[in-house]
Structure formats: C-alpha cells, structure tokens
C-alpha cells in the first residue's frame, strides 16, 4: 500500500484456457477465471500476469451522494 490509496497486487500464472476464460492460478492454489478478451494480446499458458485491485473512492462517494439525493427526494414526496 502506498499513501492513502488501497492497492493490492497479486501475481498469477495463466494455467490454461477454457472456452472464453483463462484460468489464472495463484501461489496458494487459488484459481480465478478471467475473460480471454481482457488479457494482453498473444499471452500464453504458463506466463505470469499481475492483477491489481484498487478502491475506486471517487465512484463510491459519487454513488453515495446520488443515493442520499434519491432518498431525500423520496422522503420529501411522502410528506
């Protein structure tokens, strides 16, 4: 983690391809199905990829503001 951002990264090996998905395998044996069309071009079985997860605080805050505005609108209409 760096600064106030919550970033997490995980190295995965492309274990195999099944239909429209690649099976990504982690060090602890965990598996994730990932759409092949969302992989880098020409990636092959056995290669290492890195997944990065970040928290989209701006989007979360925007959704919360919208939800509050909608609730306030509903409550005003019920009076």
PDB file of N, CA and C in Angstrom:
ATOM      1  N   UNK A   1       0.834  -1.186   0.000  1.00  0.00           N
ATOM      2  CA  UNK A   1       0.000   0.000   0.000  1.00  0.00           C
ATOM      3  C   UNK A   1       0.869   1.237   0.000  1.00  0.00           C
ATOM      4  N   UNK A   2       0.401   2.223  -0.725  1.00  0.00           N
ATOM      5  CA  UNK A   2       1.154   3.466  -0.777  1.00  0.00           C
ATOM      6  C   UNK A   2       0.240   4.614  -0.383  1.00  0.00           C
ATOM      7  N   UNK A   3       0.695   5.473   0.484  1.00  0.00           N
ATOM      8  CA  UNK A   3      -0.065   6.641   0.880  1.00  0.00           C
ATOM      9  C   UNK A   3      -1.436   6.269   1.397  1.00  0.00           C
ATOM     10  N   UNK A   4      -2.461   7.011   0.927  1.00  0.00           N
ATOM     11  CA  UNK A   4      -3.822   6.756   1.378  1.00  0.00           C
ATOM     12  C   UNK A   4      -4.571   5.828   0.444  1.00  0.00           C
ATOM     13  N   UNK A   5      -3.956   5.416  -0.635  1.00  0.00           N
ATOM     14  CA  UNK A   5      -4.613   4.517  -1.566  1.00  0.00           C
ATOM     15  C   UNK A   5      -4.537   3.093  -1.047  1.00  0.00           C
ATOM     16  N   UNK A   6      -5.578   2.325  -1.332  1.00  0.00           N
ATOM     17  CA  UNK A   6      -5.566   0.911  -1.000  1.00  0.00           C
ATOM     18  C   UNK A   6      -5.349   0.147  -2.287  1.00  0.00           C
ATOM     19  N   UNK A   7      -4.124  -0.257  -2.534  1.00  0.00           N
ATOM     20  CA  UNK A   7      -3.775  -1.010  -3.730  1.00  0.00           C
ATOM     21  C   UNK A   7      -3.279  -2.383  -3.328  1.00  0.00           C
ATOM     22  N   UNK A   8      -3.790  -3.381  -4.004  1.00  0.00           N
ATOM     23  CA  UNK A   8      -3.362  -4.742  -3.741  1.00  0.00           C
ATOM     24  C   UNK A   8      -2.992  -5.377  -5.070  1.00  0.00           C
ATOM     25  N   UNK A   9      -1.925  -6.150  -5.071  1.00  0.00           N
ATOM     26  CA  UNK A   9      -1.434  -6.752  -6.293  1.00  0.00           C
ATOM     27  C   UNK A   9      -1.190  -8.238  -6.047  1.00  0.00           C
ATOM     28  N   UNK A  10      -1.476  -9.045  -7.065  1.00  0.00           N
ATOM     29  CA  UNK A  10      -1.337 -10.484  -6.933  1.00  0.00           C
ATOM     30  C   UNK A  10      -0.790 -11.046  -8.234  1.00  0.00           C
ATOM     31  N   UNK A  11       0.322 -11.770  -8.143  1.00  0.00           N
ATOM     32  CA  UNK A  11       0.888 -12.419  -9.328  1.00  0.00           C
ATOM     33  C   UNK A  11       0.167 -13.741  -9.541  1.00  0.00           C
ATOM     34  N   UNK A  12      -0.243 -13.995 -10.773  1.00  0.00           N
ATOM     35  CA  UNK A  12      -0.958 -15.220 -11.126  1.00  0.00           C
ATOM     36  C   UNK A  12      -0.310 -15.824 -12.369  1.00  0.00           C
ATOM     37  N   UNK A  13      -0.367 -17.128 -12.485  1.00  0.00           N
ATOM     38  CA  UNK A  13       0.124 -17.822 -13.676  1.00  0.00           C
ATOM     39  C   UNK A  13      -1.079 -18.226 -14.515  1.00  0.00           C
ATOM     40  N   UNK A  14      -0.972 -18.022 -15.820  1.00  0.00           N
ATOM     41  CA  UNK A  14      -2.034 -18.494 -16.702  1.00  0.00           C
ATOM     42  C   UNK A  14      -1.876 -20.004 -16.800  1.00  0.00           C
ATOM     43  N   UNK A  15      -2.765 -20.712 -16.135  1.00  0.00           N
ATOM     44  CA  UNK A  15      -2.676 -22.167 -16.050  1.00  0.00           C
ATOM     45  C   UNK A  15      -3.174 -22.831 -17.330  1.00  0.00           C
ATOM     46  N   UNK A  16      -4.325 -22.363 -17.828  1.00  0.00           N
ATOM     47  CA  UNK A  16      -4.918 -22.973 -19.026  1.00  0.00           C
ATOM     48  C   UNK A  16      -6.042 -22.080 -19.535  1.00  0.00           C
ATOM     49  N   UNK A  17      -6.534 -22.413 -20.706  1.00  0.00           N
ATOM     50  CA  UNK A  17      -7.653 -21.708 -21.304  1.00  0.00           C
ATOM     51  C   UNK A  17      -8.840 -22.658 -21.391  1.00  0.00           C
ATOM     52  N   UNK A  18     -10.003 -22.192 -20.982  1.00  0.00           N
ATOM     53  CA  UNK A  18     -11.238 -22.971 -21.054  1.00  0.00           C
ATOM     54  C   UNK A  18     -12.316 -22.102 -21.680  1.00  0.00           C
ATOM     55  N   UNK A  19     -12.763 -22.482 -22.867  1.00  0.00           N
ATOM     56  CA  UNK A  19     -13.781 -21.746 -23.609  1.00  0.00           C
ATOM     57  C   UNK A  19     -13.414 -20.271 -23.708  1.00  0.00           C
ATOM     58  N   UNK A  20     -14.172 -19.379 -23.061  1.00  0.00           N
ATOM     59  CA  UNK A  20     -13.931 -17.937 -23.166  1.00  0.00           C
ATOM     60  C   UNK A  20     -13.100 -17.393 -22.014  1.00  0.00           C
ATOM     61  N   UNK A  21     -12.603 -18.299 -21.163  1.00  0.00           N
ATOM     62  CA  UNK A  21     -11.890 -17.856 -19.971  1.00  0.00           C
ATOM     63  C   UNK A  21     -10.493 -18.446 -19.878  1.00  0.00           C
ATOM     64  N   UNK A  22      -9.619 -17.673 -19.234  1.00  0.00           N
ATOM     65  CA  UNK A  22      -8.301 -18.173 -18.851  1.00  0.00           C
ATOM     66  C   UNK A  22      -8.398 -18.517 -17.370  1.00  0.00           C
ATOM     67  N   UNK A  23      -7.793 -19.617 -16.989  1.00  0.00           N
ATOM     68  CA  UNK A  23      -7.751 -19.993 -15.577  1.00  0.00           C
ATOM     69  C   UNK A  23      -6.422 -19.493 -15.028  1.00  0.00           C
ATOM     70  N   UNK A  24      -6.501 -18.522 -14.125  1.00  0.00           N
ATOM     71  CA  UNK A  24      -5.319 -17.947 -13.502  1.00  0.00           C
ATOM     72  C   UNK A  24      -5.134 -18.619 -12.155  1.00  0.00           C
ATOM     73  N   UNK A  25      -3.921 -19.060 -11.880  1.00  0.00           N
ATOM     74  CA  UNK A  25      -3.648 -19.791 -10.645  1.00  0.00           C
ATOM     75  C   UNK A  25      -2.629 -19.028  -9.816  1.00  0.00           C
ATOM     76  N   UNK A  26      -2.944 -18.882  -8.522  1.00  0.00           N
ATOM     77  CA  UNK A  26      -2.053 -18.186  -7.602  1.00  0.00           C
ATOM     78  C   UNK A  26      -1.118 -19.138  -6.884  1.00  0.00           C
ATOM     79  N   UNK A  27      -0.226 -18.575  -6.103  1.00  0.00           N
ATOM     80  CA  UNK A  27       0.774 -19.358  -5.377  1.00  0.00           C
ATOM     81  C   UNK A  27       0.149 -20.326  -4.381  1.00  0.00           C
ATOM     82  N   UNK A  28      -0.987 -19.959  -3.823  1.00  0.00           N
ATOM     83  CA  UNK A  28      -1.648 -20.805  -2.833  1.00  0.00           C
ATOM     84  C   UNK A  28      -2.648 -21.768  -3.461  1.00  0.00           C
ATOM     85  N   UNK A  29      -2.644 -21.851  -4.791  1.00  0.00           N
ATOM     86  CA  UNK A  29      -3.545 -22.761  -5.489  1.00  0.00           C
ATOM     87  C   UNK A  29      -4.902 -22.172  -5.817  1.00  0.00           C
ATOM     88  N   UNK A  30      -5.148 -20.918  -5.390  1.00  0.00           N
ATOM     89  CA  UNK A  30      -6.423 -20.302  -5.713  1.00  0.00           C
ATOM     90  C   UNK A  30      -6.528 -20.103  -7.223  1.00  0.00           C
ATOM     91  N   UNK A  31      -7.740 -20.173  -7.742  1.00  0.00           N
ATOM     92  CA  UNK A  31      -7.959 -20.009  -9.178  1.00  0.00           C
ATOM     93  C   UNK A  31      -8.970 -18.894  -9.430  1.00  0.00           C
ATOM     94  N   UNK A  32      -8.716 -18.152 -10.475  1.00  0.00           N
ATOM     95  CA  UNK A  32      -9.611 -17.089 -10.905  1.00  0.00           C
ATOM     96  C   UNK A  32      -9.879 -17.286 -12.383  1.00  0.00           C
ATOM     97  N   UNK A  33     -11.146 -17.202 -12.774  1.00  0.00           N
ATOM     98  CA  UNK A  33     -11.493 -17.223 -14.199  1.00  0.00           C
ATOM     99  C   UNK A  33     -11.473 -15.794 -14.700  1.00  0.00           C
ATOM    100  N   UNK A  34     -10.760 -15.574 -15.795  1.00  0.00           N
ATOM    101  CA  UNK A  34     -10.608 -14.225 -16.352  1.00  0.00           C
ATOM    102  C   UNK A  34     -10.967 -14.289 -17.829  1.00  0.00           C
ATOM    103  N   UNK A  35     -11.792 -13.355 -18.326  1.00  0.00           N
ATOM    104  CA  UNK A  35     -12.154 -13.380 -19.752  1.00  0.00           C
ATOM    105  C   UNK A  35     -10.910 -13.259 -20.642  1.00  0.00           C
ATOM    106  N   UNK A  36     -10.797 -14.151 -21.599  1.00  0.00           N
ATOM    107  CA  UNK A  36      -9.647 -14.139 -22.507  1.00  0.00           C
ATOM    108  C   UNK A  36      -9.544 -12.810 -23.240  1.00  0.00           C
ATOM    109  N   UNK A  37     -10.686 -12.248 -23.629  1.00  0.00           N
ATOM    110  CA  UNK A  37     -10.658 -10.983 -24.382  1.00  0.00           C
ATOM    111  C   UNK A  37     -10.124  -9.814 -23.552  1.00  0.00           C
ATOM    112  N   UNK A  38     -10.007  -9.991 -22.241  1.00  0.00           N
ATOM    113  CA  UNK A  38      -9.465  -8.928 -21.388  1.00  0.00           C
ATOM    114  C   UNK A  38      -8.020  -9.200 -20.970  1.00  0.00           C
ATOM    115  N   UNK A  39      -7.386 -10.146 -21.640  1.00  0.00           N
ATOM    116  CA  UNK A  39      -5.960 -10.420 -21.419  1.00  0.00           C
ATOM    117  C   UNK A  39      -5.136  -9.672 -22.460  1.00  0.00           C
ATOM    118  N   UNK A  40      -3.859  -9.418 -22.176  1.00  0.00           N
ATOM    119  CA  UNK A  40      -2.996  -8.831 -23.200  1.00  0.00           C
ATOM    120  C   UNK A  40      -2.944  -9.742 -24.434  1.00  0.00           C
ATOM    121  N   UNK A  41      -2.773  -9.141 -25.592  1.00  0.00           N
ATOM    122  CA  UNK A  41      -2.682  -9.913 -26.836  1.00  0.00           C
ATOM    123  C   UNK A  41      -1.528 -10.902 -26.772  1.00  0.00           C
ATOM    124  N   UNK A  42      -1.742 -12.046 -27.365  1.00  0.00           N
ATOM    125  CA  UNK A  42      -0.728 -13.091 -27.532  1.00  0.00           C
ATOM    126  C   UNK A  42      -0.140 -13.608 -26.227  1.00  0.00           C
ATOM    127  N   UNK A  43      -0.869 -13.526 -25.141  1.00  0.00           N
ATOM    128  CA  UNK A  43      -0.408 -14.099 -23.885  1.00  0.00           C
ATOM    129  C   UNK A  43      -0.572 -15.612 -23.976  1.00  0.00           C
ATOM    130  N   UNK A  44       0.331 -16.343 -23.336  1.00  0.00           N
ATOM    131  CA  UNK A  44       0.351 -17.797 -23.465  1.00  0.00           C
ATOM    132  C   UNK A  44       0.206 -18.473 -22.111  1.00  0.00           C
ATOM    133  N   UNK A  45      -0.196 -19.711 -22.145  1.00  0.00           N
ATOM    134  CA  UNK A  45      -0.268 -20.533 -20.951  1.00  0.00           C
ATOM    135  C   UNK A  45       1.122 -20.625 -20.326  1.00  0.00           C
ATOM    136  N   UNK A  46       1.188 -20.521 -19.011  1.00  0.00           N
ATOM    137  CA  UNK A  46       2.461 -20.573 -18.307  1.00  0.00           C
ATOM    138  C   UNK A  46       3.048 -19.207 -17.998  1.00  0.00           C
ATOM    139  N   UNK A  47       2.533 -18.164 -18.627  1.00  0.00           N
ATOM    140  CA  UNK A  47       3.056 -16.817 -18.369  1.00  0.00           C
ATOM    141  C   UNK A  47       2.467 -16.252 -17.078  1.00  0.00           C
ATOM    142  N   UNK A  48       3.227 -15.357 -16.475  1.00  0.00           N
ATOM    143  CA  UNK A  48       2.795 -14.698 -15.244  1.00  0.00           C
ATOM    144  C   UNK A  48       2.133 -13.371 -15.602  1.00  0.00           C
ATOM    145  N   UNK A  49       0.993 -13.126 -14.976  1.00  0.00           N
ATOM    146  CA  UNK A  49       0.314 -11.840 -15.094  1.00  0.00           C
ATOM    147  C   UNK A  49       0.123 -11.290 -13.686  1.00  0.00           C
ATOM    148  N   UNK A  50      -0.075 -10.007 -13.588  1.00  0.00           N
ATOM    149  CA  UNK A  50      -0.265  -9.385 -12.279  1.00  0.00           C
ATOM    150  C   UNK A  50      -1.629  -8.715 -12.258  1.00  0.00           C
ATOM    151  N   UNK A  51      -2.429  -9.084 -11.258  1.00  0.00           N
ATOM    152  CA  UNK A  51      -3.730  -8.458 -11.051  1.00  0.00           C
ATOM    153  C   UNK A  51      -3.569  -7.374  -9.992  1.00  0.00           C
ATOM    154  N   UNK A  52      -4.131  -6.210 -10.243  1.00  0.00           N
ATOM    155  CA  UNK A  52      -4.067  -5.123  -9.285  1.00  0.00           C
ATOM    156  C   UNK A  52      -5.480  -4.681  -8.954  1.00  0.00           C
ATOM    157  N   UNK A  53      -5.762  -4.593  -7.685  1.00  0.00           N
ATOM    158  CA  UNK A  53      -7.075  -4.183  -7.207  1.00  0.00           C
ATOM    159  C   UNK A  53      -6.927  -2.857  -6.489  1.00  0.00           C
ATOM    160  N   UNK A  54      -7.722  -1.877  -6.896  1.00  0.00           N
ATOM    161  CA  UNK A  54      -7.702  -0.578  -6.231  1.00  0.00           C
ATOM    162  C   UNK A  54      -9.123  -0.204  -5.853  1.00  0.00           C
ATOM    163  N   UNK A  55      -9.241   0.570  -4.818  1.00  0.00           N
ATOM    164  CA  UNK A  55     -10.549   1.021  -4.367  1.00  0.00           C
ATOM    165  C   UNK A  55     -10.899   2.307  -5.106  1.00  0.00           C
ATOM    166  N   UNK A  56     -12.054   2.323  -5.740  1.00  0.00           N
ATOM    167  CA  UNK A  56     -12.492   3.486  -6.508  1.00  0.00           C
ATOM    168  C   UNK A  56     -13.290   4.407  -5.585  1.00  0.00           C
ATOM    169  N   UNK A  57     -12.571   5.150  -4.748  1.00  0.00           N
ATOM    170  CA  UNK A  57     -13.235   6.004  -3.758  1.00  0.00           C
ATOM    171  C   UNK A  57     -14.117   7.063  -4.400  1.00  0.00           C
ATOM    172  N   UNK A  58     -13.655   7.672  -5.489  1.00  0.00           N
ATOM    173  CA  UNK A  58     -14.445   8.715  -6.139  1.00  0.00           C
ATOM    174  C   UNK A  58     -15.784   8.167  -6.619  1.00  0.00           C
ATOM    175  N   UNK A  59     -15.770   6.988  -7.226  1.00  0.00           N
ATOM    176  CA  UNK A  59     -17.012   6.384  -7.697  1.00  0.00           C
ATOM    177  C   UNK A  59     -17.920   6.019  -6.534  1.00  0.00           C
ATOM    178  N   UNK A  60     -17.355   5.501  -5.470  1.00  0.00           N
ATOM    179  CA  UNK A  60     -18.147   5.134  -4.291  1.00  0.00           C
ATOM    180  C   UNK A  60     -18.787   6.370  -3.682  1.00  0.00           C
ATOM    181  N   UNK A  61     -18.023   7.430  -3.544  1.00  0.00           N
ATOM    182  CA  UNK A  61     -18.563   8.662  -2.979  1.00  0.00           C
ATOM    183  C   UNK A  61     -19.661   9.239  -3.860  1.00  0.00           C
ATOM    184  N   UNK A  62     -19.483   9.172  -5.171  1.00  0.00           N
ATOM    185  CA  UNK A  62     -20.494   9.683  -6.100  1.00  0.00           C
ATOM    186  C   UNK A  62     -21.784   8.877  -5.983  1.00  0.00           C
ATOM    187  N   UNK A  63     -21.681   7.562  -5.864  1.00  0.00           N
ATOM    188  CA  UNK A  63     -22.867   6.715  -5.709  1.00  0.00           C
ATOM    189  C   UNK A  63     -23.570   7.010  -4.393  1.00  0.00           C
ATOM    190  N   UNK A  64     -22.804   7.251  -3.333  1.00  0.00           N
ATOM    191  CA  UNK A  64     -23.395   7.578  -2.042  1.00  0.00           C
ATOM    192  C   UNK A  64     -24.155   8.899  -2.111  1.00  0.00           C
ATOM    193  N   UNK A  65     -23.589   9.896  -2.781  1.00  0.00           N
ATOM    194  CA  UNK A  65     -24.260  11.186  -2.930  1.00  0.00           C
ATOM    195  C   UNK A  65     -25.563  11.029  -3.703  1.00  0.00           C
ATOM    196  N   UNK A  66     -25.532  10.236  -4.778  1.00  0.00           N
ATOM    197  CA  UNK A  66     -26.725  10.002  -5.574  1.00  0.00           C
ATOM    198  C   UNK A  66     -27.792   9.285  -4.751  1.00  0.00           C
ATOM    199  N   UNK A  67     -27.389   8.273  -3.985  1.00  0.00           N
ATOM    200  CA  UNK A  67     -28.332   7.527  -3.153  1.00  0.00           C
ATOM    201  C   UNK A  67     -28.974   8.449  -2.115  1.00  0.00           C
ATOM    202  N   UNK A  68     -28.181   9.317  -1.475  1.00  0.00           N
ATOM    203  CA  UNK A  68     -28.718  10.252  -0.485  1.00  0.00           C
ATOM    204  C   UNK A  68     -29.697  11.228  -1.128  1.00  0.00           C
ATOM    205  N   UNK A  69     -29.354  11.715  -2.305  1.00  0.00           N
ATOM    206  CA  UNK A  69     -30.241  12.647  -3.004  1.00  0.00           C
ATOM    207  C   UNK A  69     -31.566  11.972  -3.354  1.00  0.00           C
ATOM    208  N   UNK A  70     -31.503  10.725  -3.813  1.00  0.00           N
ATOM    209  CA  UNK A  70     -32.731  10.000  -4.149  1.00  0.00           C
ATOM    210  C   UNK A  70     -33.580   9.748  -2.904  1.00  0.00           C
ATOM    211  N   UNK A  71     -32.947   9.361  -1.805  1.00  0.00           N
ATOM    212  CA  UNK A  71     -33.686   9.139  -0.564  1.00  0.00           C
ATOM    213  C   UNK A  71     -34.335  10.430  -0.069  1.00  0.00           C
ATOM    214  N   UNK A  72     -33.604  11.525  -0.137  1.00  0.00           N
ATOM    215  CA  UNK A  72     -34.175  12.813   0.272  1.00  0.00           C
ATOM    216  C   UNK A  72     -35.366  13.187  -0.602  1.00  0.00           C
ATOM    217  N   UNK A  73     -35.261  12.921  -1.884  1.00  0.00           N
ATOM    218  CA  UNK A  73     -36.368  13.196  -2.814  1.00  0.00           C
ATOM    219  C   UNK A  73     -37.591  12.364  -2.447  1.00  0.00           C
ATOM    220  N   UNK A  74     -37.368  11.096  -2.163  1.00  0.00           N
ATOM    221  CA  UNK A  74     -38.475  10.202  -1.784  1.00  0.00           C
ATOM    222  C   UNK A  74     -39.123  10.663  -0.482  1.00  0.00           C
ATOM    223  N   UNK A  75     -38.303  11.007   0.495  1.00  0.00           N
ATOM    224  CA  UNK A  75     -38.830  11.443   1.780  1.00  0.00           C
ATOM    225  C   UNK A  75     -39.618  12.754   1.660  1.00  0.00           C
ATOM    226  N   UNK A  76     -39.178  13.650   0.820  1.00  0.00           N
ATOM    227  CA  UNK A  76     -39.913  14.922   0.620  1.00  0.00           C
ATOM    228  C   UNK A  76     -41.255  14.674  -0.053  1.00  0.00           C
ATOM    229  N   UNK A  77     -41.315  13.713  -0.973  1.00  0.00           N
ATOM    230  CA  UNK A  77     -42.563  13.412  -1.673  1.00  0.00           C
ATOM    231  C   UNK A  77     -43.566  12.683  -0.805  1.00  0.00           C
ATOM    232  N   UNK A  78     -43.114  12.057   0.278  1.00  0.00           N
ATOM    233  CA  UNK A  78     -44.014  11.328   1.169  1.00  0.00           C
ATOM    234  C   UNK A  78     -44.689  12.253   2.192  1.00  0.00           C
ATOM    235  N   UNK A  79     -44.258  13.462   2.303  1.00  0.00           N
ATOM    236  CA  UNK A  79     -44.812  14.384   3.310  1.00  0.00           C
ATOM    237  C   UNK A  79     -46.172  14.868   2.957  1.00  0.00           C
TER     238      UNK A  79
END
